[in-house]
């Protein structure tokens, strides 16, 4: 190991995860989140080990500092990363491409540390040197945008977010994969929108989503296209422009056929939008009372009784895997926000089954009582006789989450669950609780 150069150590650590997953594929090991996390952690540990070993060597010079910086970057030791890159940049004639990469990473490190003066200076240095890689520029600009936003400096956040979005569009075709390119495009576009939305600049926020829609059409990405339109409609409703939102919905149905030449892409967007039509119409309206209730597990309350509270209706079933996946978040929200005014109601109905057997309603009710206790769910259950509530709330697919504000108005209505969706719901809960 001591015979390896610093570059050789970095090269080995850099491809560690890639090589391990190639090995897993040959062994036909199934992919899992835990396997990914373990492999990435092993890669970080290897990089940290090599970085510590190299740091004890005498006579380090030139590109040794560059690769030592890269090893620390892999190991997520950002303080050492910046320090060794600065030593590399101080060399008499650092290689231009490596100098630019070093500058770009220092900008990211400085932005995360909220050291904006240093980040801006290095970004300026980067832009006045060659080569400029748009992928590196996108990362720098995005990091500055996110951290300025965290500091509530929305003017500078917007400036850097716009640059990040432009750079992301420029390098779309050069992304490691189409999926990664689309993810970067969506994230960059939505960041621009969210910053303008945070700043109360409706026109700029609308324009950001419109540009994202057009970019999605250009790269023939129906998923991103639908997301941009859906977000536009919800934003217009949230900002009390519901007639405009419903017109946006109608326009999108016809515009989709013009924006996509492939019939399959047209049909994908139109199908998804039409599935959302009734949910769009419910947003911003008074939440209807739950109907056809047979039993409660916990307190029995009407939605009218809960005015002044923020209410989360979680439409679910015991046989629904994604519904069960959401339990940890629901428990955390109840524990964190109950005293602030959040009320969670788990809304289900009789499905005629329990533990794999057909049962009557009384037996299914007893099963639901045991289920609530065994899963330690602290919020109340509402059990309906039939589908009336699911039809009324457009929750035929589950899980569906409905958030009702303190005035009894539906402010959020989404089907499905994922880490991103749960983060979205939590953010909306915090927002609605802050409203008085």
Protein backbone atom coordinates (compact mmCIF):
# COMPACT_ATOMS: atom_id res chain seq x y z
CA UNK A 1 0.00 0.00 0.00
CA UNK A 2 2.85 2.39 0.81
CA UNK A 3 4.09 1.96 -2.75
CA UNK A 4 0.91 3.42 -4.22
CA UNK A 5 1.03 7.00 -5.41
CA UNK A 6 -1.59 9.45 -4.15
CA UNK A 7 -3.25 9.34 -7.56
CA UNK A 8 -3.37 5.54 -7.51
CA UNK A 9 -5.00 5.62 -4.08
CA UNK A 10 -7.60 8.11 -5.26
CA UNK A 11 -8.30 6.09 -8.44
CA UNK A 12 -8.83 2.95 -6.37
CA UNK A 13 -11.14 4.66 -3.88
CA UNK A 14 -13.02 6.50 -6.61
CA UNK A 15 -14.07 3.32 -8.44
CA UNK A 16 -14.63 1.25 -5.29
CA UNK A 17 -18.45 1.44 -5.30
CA UNK A 18 -18.68 0.95 -9.07
CA UNK A 19 -16.49 -2.17 -8.91
CA UNK A 20 -18.36 -3.58 -5.92
CA UNK A 21 -21.72 -3.26 -7.66
CA UNK A 22 -20.32 -4.90 -10.78
CA UNK A 23 -19.23 -7.74 -8.51
CA UNK A 24 -22.67 -7.91 -6.88
CA UNK A 25 -24.25 -8.12 -10.33
CA UNK A 26 -22.00 -11.04 -11.30
CA UNK A 27 -22.97 -12.75 -8.03
CA UNK A 28 -26.64 -11.99 -8.79
CA UNK A 29 -27.06 -10.25 -5.44
CA UNK A 30 -30.32 -8.25 -5.40
CA UNK A 31 -30.00 -4.49 -5.02
CA UNK A 32 -31.14 -3.02 -1.71
CA UNK A 33 -30.93 0.31 0.06
CA UNK A 34 -28.90 -1.25 2.87
CA UNK A 35 -26.42 -2.75 0.38
CA UNK A 36 -26.02 0.64 -1.31
CA UNK A 37 -25.52 2.45 1.99
CA UNK A 38 -22.99 -0.11 3.23
CA UNK A 39 -20.98 0.04 0.00
CA UNK A 40 -20.91 3.84 -0.05
CA UNK A 41 -19.82 3.84 3.60
CA UNK A 42 -17.01 1.39 2.78
CA UNK A 43 -15.91 3.71 -0.04
CA UNK A 44 -15.78 6.68 2.34
CA UNK A 45 -13.81 4.67 4.88
CA UNK A 46 -11.29 3.57 2.24
CA UNK A 47 -10.86 7.18 1.07
CA UNK A 48 -10.42 8.38 4.67
CA UNK A 49 -7.85 5.64 5.34
CA UNK A 50 -5.83 6.56 2.26
CA UNK A 51 -6.09 10.28 3.04
CA UNK A 52 -4.76 9.73 6.57
CA UNK A 53 -1.93 7.55 5.27
CA UNK A 54 -0.89 10.04 2.59
CA UNK A 55 -0.98 12.97 5.01
CA UNK A 56 1.97 11.49 6.92
CA UNK A 57 4.20 11.34 3.86
CA UNK A 58 7.00 13.90 3.56
CA UNK A 59 7.70 15.86 0.41
CA UNK A 60 4.14 16.09 -0.90
CA UNK A 61 3.94 18.50 -3.80
CA UNK A 62 1.92 19.62 -6.81
CA UNK A 63 -0.77 17.16 -7.87
CA UNK A 64 -0.29 15.14 -4.67
CA UNK A 65 -2.30 17.92 -2.96
CA UNK A 66 -4.98 17.70 -5.66
CA UNK A 67 -5.50 13.97 -5.21
CA UNK A 68 -5.30 14.30 -1.43
CA UNK A 69 -8.05 16.90 -1.69
CA UNK A 70 -10.09 14.49 -3.81
CA UNK A 71 -9.60 11.68 -1.28
CA UNK A 72 -10.87 13.94 1.51
CA UNK A 73 -13.79 14.96 -0.68
CA UNK A 74 -14.72 11.29 -1.16
CA UNK A 75 -14.38 10.79 2.60
CA UNK A 76 -16.63 13.85 3.19
CA UNK A 77 -13.94 15.62 5.20
CA UNK A 78 -14.71 19.04 3.77
CA UNK A 79 -12.29 21.05 5.94
CA UNK A 80 -9.30 19.05 4.74
CA UNK A 81 -10.70 19.02 1.20
CA UNK A 82 -10.56 22.80 0.96
CA UNK A 83 -7.18 23.04 2.68
CA UNK A 84 -5.42 20.65 0.32
CA UNK A 85 -7.06 22.14 -2.77
CA UNK A 86 -5.83 25.57 -1.68
CA UNK A 87 -2.29 24.16 -1.44
CA UNK A 88 -2.68 22.71 -4.93
CA UNK A 89 -3.89 26.06 -6.32
CA UNK A 90 -0.91 27.80 -4.69
CA UNK A 91 1.48 25.70 -6.79
CA UNK A 92 3.36 27.56 -9.50
CA UNK A 93 1.62 26.04 -12.52
CA UNK A 94 -1.31 23.81 -11.51
CA UNK A 95 -2.93 21.85 -14.35
CA UNK A 96 -5.80 23.97 -15.69
CA UNK A 97 -8.53 21.30 -15.63
CA UNK A 98 -7.63 20.13 -12.12
CA UNK A 99 -7.40 23.73 -10.90
CA UNK A 100 -10.92 24.36 -12.14
CA UNK A 101 -12.25 21.23 -10.44
CA UNK A 102 -10.49 22.24 -7.22
CA UNK A 103 -12.03 25.73 -7.38
CA UNK A 104 -15.50 24.29 -8.02
CA UNK A 105 -15.32 21.99 -5.00
CA UNK A 106 -14.02 24.77 -2.73
CA UNK A 107 -17.01 26.88 -3.82
CA UNK A 108 -19.36 24.07 -2.78
CA UNK A 109 -17.59 23.65 0.57
CA UNK A 110 -17.59 27.40 1.25
CA UNK A 111 -21.27 27.75 0.30
CA UNK A 112 -22.27 24.97 2.68
CA UNK A 113 -20.28 26.69 5.43
CA UNK A 114 -22.15 29.94 4.59
CA UNK A 115 -18.78 31.52 3.75
CA UNK A 116 -20.32 33.36 0.82
CA UNK A 117 -17.49 35.84 0.27
CA UNK A 118 -15.00 33.06 -0.37
CA UNK A 119 -17.49 31.11 -2.47
CA UNK A 120 -18.28 34.12 -4.66
CA UNK A 121 -14.57 34.94 -5.09
CA UNK A 122 -13.70 31.38 -6.17
CA UNK A 123 -16.72 31.25 -8.48
CA UNK A 124 -15.51 34.44 -10.15
CA UNK A 125 -12.01 32.94 -10.46
CA UNK A 126 -13.54 29.81 -11.97
CA UNK A 127 -15.51 31.79 -14.56
CA UNK A 128 -12.43 33.79 -15.63
CA UNK A 129 -10.37 30.65 -16.24
CA UNK A 130 -10.57 27.69 -18.60
CA UNK A 131 -11.92 25.12 -19.06
CA UNK A 132 -15.40 25.93 -17.82
CA UNK A 133 -17.43 22.75 -17.34
CA UNK A 134 -21.13 23.47 -17.21
CA UNK A 135 -21.69 20.46 -14.94
CA UNK A 136 -19.30 22.01 -12.38
CA UNK A 137 -20.91 25.40 -12.78
CA UNK A 138 -24.35 23.89 -12.19
CA UNK A 139 -23.19 22.34 -8.91
CA UNK A 140 -21.58 25.57 -7.69
CA UNK A 141 -24.53 27.77 -8.61
CA UNK A 142 -27.03 25.35 -7.12
CA UNK A 143 -25.12 25.09 -3.85
CA UNK A 144 -24.99 28.87 -3.55
CA UNK A 145 -28.69 29.14 -4.39
CA UNK A 146 -29.70 26.60 -1.74
CA UNK A 147 -27.57 28.17 0.97
CA UNK A 148 -28.54 31.76 0.20
CA UNK A 149 -32.14 30.55 0.34
CA UNK A 150 -31.51 28.99 3.76
CA UNK A 151 -30.21 32.37 4.91
CA UNK A 152 -33.33 34.10 3.47
CA UNK A 153 -31.25 36.05 0.95
CA UNK A 154 -33.74 35.32 -1.82
CA UNK A 155 -32.42 37.87 -4.32
CA UNK A 156 -29.00 36.22 -4.51
CA UNK A 157 -30.58 32.78 -4.22
CA UNK A 158 -32.69 33.49 -7.31
CA UNK A 159 -29.69 34.79 -9.25
CA UNK A 160 -27.67 31.64 -8.63
CA UNK A 161 -30.66 29.33 -9.09
CA UNK A 162 -31.29 30.79 -12.55
CA UNK A 163 -27.63 30.20 -13.49
CA UNK A 164 -27.76 26.65 -12.13
CA UNK A 165 -30.87 25.94 -14.19
CA UNK A 166 -29.29 27.33 -17.37
CA UNK A 167 -26.15 25.26 -16.81
CA UNK A 168 -28.21 22.13 -16.10
CA UNK A 169 -30.11 22.51 -19.37
CA UNK A 170 -26.84 23.02 -21.22
CA UNK A 171 -25.34 19.73 -19.99
CA UNK A 172 -28.51 17.61 -20.12
CA UNK A 173 -27.26 15.40 -22.95
CA UNK A 174 -23.90 14.91 -21.23
CA UNK A 175 -25.38 13.52 -18.00
CA UNK A 176 -24.19 10.07 -16.91
CA UNK A 177 -27.68 8.76 -17.65
CA UNK A 178 -30.95 10.15 -18.95
CA UNK A 179 -32.54 9.48 -15.56
CA UNK A 180 -29.85 11.52 -13.80
CA UNK A 181 -30.13 14.29 -16.38
CA UNK A 182 -33.91 14.50 -15.91
CA UNK A 183 -33.55 14.49 -12.13
CA UNK A 184 -31.03 17.36 -12.30
CA UNK A 185 -33.26 19.29 -14.72
CA UNK A 186 -36.33 18.89 -12.51
CA UNK A 187 -34.50 19.79 -9.30
CA UNK A 188 -32.87 22.87 -10.83
CA UNK A 189 -36.11 24.14 -12.35
CA UNK A 190 -38.12 23.58 -9.18
CA UNK A 191 -35.46 25.34 -7.09
CA UNK A 192 -35.87 28.46 -9.24
CA UNK A 193 -39.65 28.26 -8.84
CA UNK A 194 -39.53 27.71 -5.07
CA UNK A 195 -37.20 30.64 -4.45
CA UNK A 196 -39.45 33.02 -6.39
CA UNK A 197 -42.48 31.53 -4.64
CA UNK A 198 -40.83 32.06 -1.24
CA UNK A 199 -40.18 35.67 -2.24
CA UNK A 200 -43.81 36.23 -3.25
CA UNK A 201 -42.89 36.86 -6.90
CA UNK A 202 -45.79 35.17 -8.65
CA UNK A 203 -44.92 36.18 -12.20
CA UNK A 204 -41.35 34.92 -11.91
CA UNK A 205 -42.53 31.72 -10.20
CA UNK A 206 -45.09 31.11 -12.95
CA UNK A 207 -42.44 31.75 -15.61
CA UNK A 208 -40.05 29.28 -13.96
CA UNK A 209 -42.62 26.48 -14.18
CA UNK A 210 -43.55 27.43 -17.73
CA UNK A 211 -39.91 27.27 -18.75
CA UNK A 212 -39.54 23.88 -17.05
CA UNK A 213 -42.58 22.61 -18.98
CA UNK A 214 -41.06 23.77 -22.27
CA UNK A 215 -37.69 22.23 -21.40
CA UNK A 216 -39.40 18.94 -20.60
CA UNK A 217 -41.17 19.02 -23.96
CA UNK A 218 -37.87 19.70 -25.73
CA UNK A 219 -36.19 16.66 -24.16
CA UNK A 220 -39.40 14.59 -24.52
CA UNK A 221 -39.82 13.92 -20.79
CA UNK A 222 -43.49 13.39 -20.01
CA UNK A 223 -42.83 12.87 -16.26
CA UNK A 224 -41.11 16.25 -15.85
CA UNK A 225 -43.70 17.90 -18.12
CA UNK A 226 -46.58 16.59 -16.01
CA UNK A 227 -44.83 17.60 -12.78
CA UNK A 228 -44.32 21.17 -14.03
CA UNK A 229 -47.97 21.53 -15.08
CA UNK A 230 -49.27 19.90 -11.89
CA UNK A 231 -47.10 22.18 -9.74
CA UNK A 232 -48.27 25.22 -11.73
CA UNK A 233 -51.94 24.39 -11.17
CA UNK A 234 -51.46 23.76 -7.44
CA UNK A 235 -49.42 26.95 -7.06
CA UNK A 236 -52.10 29.03 -8.75
CA UNK A 237 -54.75 27.55 -6.47
CA UNK A 238 -52.56 28.10 -3.41
CA UNK A 239 -52.11 31.76 -4.40
CA UNK A 240 -55.90 32.20 -4.70
CA UNK A 241 -56.04 32.12 -8.51
CA UNK A 242 -58.23 29.06 -8.88
CA UNK A 243 -60.07 30.15 -12.08
CA UNK A 244 -56.68 30.68 -13.73
CA UNK A 245 -55.53 27.30 -12.39
CA UNK A 246 -58.48 25.48 -13.91
CA UNK A 247 -57.86 27.28 -17.20
CA UNK A 248 -54.22 26.18 -17.00
CA UNK A 249 -55.48 22.62 -16.62
CA UNK A 250 -57.70 22.88 -19.72
CA UNK A 251 -54.94 24.54 -21.74
CA UNK A 252 -52.47 21.84 -20.78
CA UNK A 253 -54.73 19.11 -22.12
CA UNK A 254 -54.64 20.64 -25.60
CA UNK A 255 -51.06 21.96 -25.41
CA UNK A 256 -49.68 18.50 -24.62
CA UNK A 257 -50.67 17.22 -28.06
CA UNK A 258 -48.74 20.09 -29.66
CA UNK A 259 -45.67 19.74 -27.44
CA UNK A 260 -45.14 16.00 -27.94
CA UNK A 261 -45.06 14.24 -31.29
CA UNK A 262 -45.02 10.77 -29.71
CA UNK A 263 -48.57 9.65 -29.01
CA UNK A 264 -47.49 7.60 -25.99
CA UNK A 265 -46.05 10.72 -24.31
CA UNK A 266 -49.18 12.74 -25.08
CA UNK A 267 -51.39 10.03 -23.61
CA UNK A 268 -49.24 9.68 -20.49
CA UNK A 269 -49.53 13.37 -19.58
CA UNK A 270 -53.22 13.65 -20.47
CA UNK A 271 -54.12 10.49 -18.51
CA UNK A 272 -52.34 11.75 -15.41
CA UNK A 273 -53.85 15.22 -15.63
CA UNK A 274 -57.38 13.89 -16.10
CA UNK A 275 -56.92 11.64 -13.08
CA UNK A 276 -56.17 14.78 -11.06
CA UNK A 277 -59.03 16.96 -12.36
CA UNK A 278 -61.45 16.36 -9.49
CA UNK A 279 -58.66 16.75 -6.94
CA UNK A 280 -57.75 20.13 -8.44
CA UNK A 281 -61.38 21.18 -8.09
CA UNK A 282 -61.39 20.20 -4.40
CA UNK A 283 -58.26 22.18 -3.53
CA UNK A 284 -59.10 25.51 -1.93
CA UNK A 285 -62.64 24.37 -1.06
CA UNK A 286 -64.21 23.58 2.32
CA UNK A 287 -63.57 19.97 3.31
CA UNK A 288 -66.77 17.90 3.26
CA UNK A 289 -67.71 16.01 6.41
CA UNK A 290 -66.78 12.35 6.55
CA UNK A 291 -69.78 10.18 5.76
CA UNK A 292 -71.12 6.67 6.32
CA UNK A 293 -68.97 6.16 9.45
CA UNK A 294 -69.56 2.94 11.35
CA UNK A 295 -66.90 3.03 14.08
CA UNK A 296 -64.14 5.17 15.57
CA UNK A 297 -61.06 3.88 17.32
CA UNK A 298 -60.19 6.75 19.61
CA UNK A 299 -62.13 10.00 19.93
CA UNK A 300 -65.20 10.64 17.79
CA UNK A 301 -65.08 14.11 16.19
CA UNK A 302 -66.50 15.82 13.16
CA UNK A 303 -64.35 17.99 10.93
CA UNK A 304 -66.44 20.92 12.15
CA UNK A 305 -65.35 20.04 15.71
CA UNK A 306 -61.73 20.24 14.53
CA UNK A 307 -61.90 23.78 13.09
CA UNK A 308 -58.93 25.66 14.42
CA UNK A 309 -56.74 22.56 14.07
CA UNK A 310 -54.77 21.38 11.06
CA UNK A 311 -56.21 18.01 10.03
CA UNK A 312 -54.44 15.27 8.09
CA UNK A 313 -56.73 12.62 6.61
CA UNK A 314 -54.73 9.51 5.79
CA UNK A 315 -56.74 7.19 3.53
CA UNK A 316 -55.29 3.71 3.99
CA UNK A 317 -55.91 -0.04 4.36
CA UNK A 318 -54.19 -2.82 6.31
CA UNK A 319 -53.32 -4.70 3.10
CA UNK A 320 -51.69 -1.66 1.43
CA UNK A 321 -47.87 -1.89 1.59
CA UNK A 322 -47.20 1.78 0.76
CA UNK A 323 -49.72 2.77 3.44
CA UNK A 324 -47.72 0.83 6.03
CA UNK A 325 -44.49 2.40 4.77
CA UNK A 326 -45.89 5.80 5.77
CA UNK A 327 -46.52 4.79 9.41
CA UNK A 328 -43.13 5.98 10.80
CA UNK A 329 -43.70 9.45 9.35
CA UNK A 330 -47.30 9.60 10.58
CA UNK A 331 -46.18 8.62 14.09
CA UNK A 332 -43.38 11.22 14.02
CA UNK A 333 -45.75 13.97 12.84
CA UNK A 334 -48.25 13.11 15.58
CA UNK A 335 -45.54 13.19 18.26
CA UNK A 336 -43.91 16.37 16.94
CA UNK A 337 -46.94 18.49 16.01
CA UNK A 338 -49.86 17.26 18.15
CA UNK A 339 -49.38 19.99 20.73
CA UNK A 340 -49.11 22.61 17.96
CA UNK A 341 -52.55 21.76 16.62
CA UNK A 342 -52.17 18.81 14.23
CA UNK A 343 -54.88 16.16 14.25
CA UNK A 344 -54.33 12.96 12.24
CA UNK A 345 -57.23 10.72 11.30
CA UNK A 346 -56.54 7.34 9.68
CA UNK A 347 -59.52 6.87 7.35
CA UNK A 348 -60.29 3.33 6.22
CA UNK A 349 -63.31 1.15 5.51
CA UNK A 350 -64.46 -2.42 5.79
CA UNK A 351 -62.83 -4.52 3.07
CA UNK A 352 -64.31 -7.85 4.23
CA UNK A 353 -60.99 -9.39 5.14
CA UNK A 354 -58.54 -9.80 8.02
CA UNK A 355 -55.29 -11.75 8.17
CA UNK A 356 -56.03 -13.50 4.88
CA UNK A 357 -59.57 -14.59 5.74
CA UNK A 358 -63.01 -13.32 4.74
CA UNK A 359 -64.68 -11.87 7.82
CA UNK A 360 -67.74 -9.88 8.84
CA UNK A 361 -67.58 -6.23 9.90
CA UNK A 362 -67.48 -6.97 13.63
CA UNK A 363 -64.49 -9.28 13.24
CA UNK A 364 -62.71 -6.84 10.95
CA UNK A 365 -63.27 -4.06 13.50
CA UNK A 366 -61.64 -6.20 16.22
CA UNK A 367 -58.74 -6.85 13.86
CA UNK A 368 -58.32 -3.11 13.24
CA UNK A 369 -58.22 -2.50 16.98
CA UNK A 370 -55.43 -5.09 17.36
CA UNK A 371 -53.67 -3.70 14.28
CA UNK A 372 -53.61 -0.18 15.71
CA UNK A 373 -52.20 -1.44 19.00
CA UNK A 374 -49.59 -3.76 17.46
CA UNK A 375 -48.26 -0.99 15.16
CA UNK A 376 -48.37 1.55 18.02
CA UNK A 377 -50.30 4.08 15.97
CA UNK A 378 -51.17 6.93 18.35
CA UNK A 379 -53.76 8.75 16.23
CA UNK A 380 -57.47 7.97 15.79
CA UNK A 381 -58.99 5.64 13.19
CA UNK A 382 -62.20 6.33 11.29
CA UNK A 383 -63.88 3.22 9.85
CA UNK A 384 -66.53 3.66 7.15
CA UNK A 385 -69.07 1.14 5.90
CA UNK A 386 -68.28 1.73 2.23
CA UNK A 387 -66.48 3.86 -0.33
CA UNK A 388 -68.36 7.13 0.17
CA UNK A 389 -65.41 9.01 1.70
CA UNK A 390 -62.93 7.73 -0.87
CA UNK A 391 -65.22 8.82 -3.68
CA UNK A 392 -65.91 12.18 -2.04
CA UNK A 393 -62.19 12.91 -1.48
CA UNK A 394 -60.99 11.36 -4.75
CA UNK A 395 -59.01 8.79 -2.74
CA UNK A 396 -59.86 5.61 -4.63
CA UNK A 397 -56.12 4.93 -4.89
CA UNK A 398 -54.34 4.65 -1.56
CA UNK A 399 -52.55 5.96 0.34
CA UNK A 400 -54.03 9.39 -0.23
CA UNK A 401 -53.20 12.30 2.07
CA UNK A 402 -55.50 15.29 2.56
CA UNK A 403 -54.42 18.33 4.58
CA UNK A 404 -57.12 20.68 5.86
CA UNK A 405 -56.17 24.06 7.30
CA UNK A 406 -57.44 25.69 10.48
CA UNK A 407 -60.36 27.25 8.56
CA UNK A 408 -61.50 23.90 7.20
CA UNK A 409 -60.11 24.43 3.68
CA UNK A 410 -58.44 21.63 1.71
CA UNK A 411 -54.89 22.78 1.01
CA UNK A 412 -53.17 19.55 -0.03
CA UNK A 413 -54.43 16.39 -1.72
CA UNK A 414 -52.00 13.80 -3.08
CA UNK A 415 -51.98 10.06 -3.73
CA UNK A 416 -48.97 7.79 -3.17
CA UNK A 417 -46.02 7.77 -0.82
CA UNK A 418 -42.28 8.16 -1.09
CA UNK A 419 -39.51 9.85 0.83
CA UNK A 420 -39.98 12.99 -1.26
CA UNK A 421 -43.76 12.94 -0.80
CA UNK A 422 -43.43 12.55 2.97
CA UNK A 423 -41.02 15.50 3.10
CA UNK A 424 -43.54 17.50 1.05
CA UNK A 425 -46.36 16.66 3.47
CA UNK A 426 -44.24 17.56 6.48
CA UNK A 427 -43.33 20.93 4.97
CA UNK A 428 -47.02 21.61 4.30
CA UNK A 429 -47.94 20.66 7.87
CA UNK A 430 -45.38 23.15 9.19
CA UNK A 431 -46.70 25.84 6.85
CA UNK A 432 -50.34 25.31 7.82
CA UNK A 433 -49.56 25.19 11.54
CA UNK A 434 -47.83 28.56 11.20
CA UNK A 435 -51.01 30.11 9.78
CA UNK A 436 -53.34 31.57 12.36
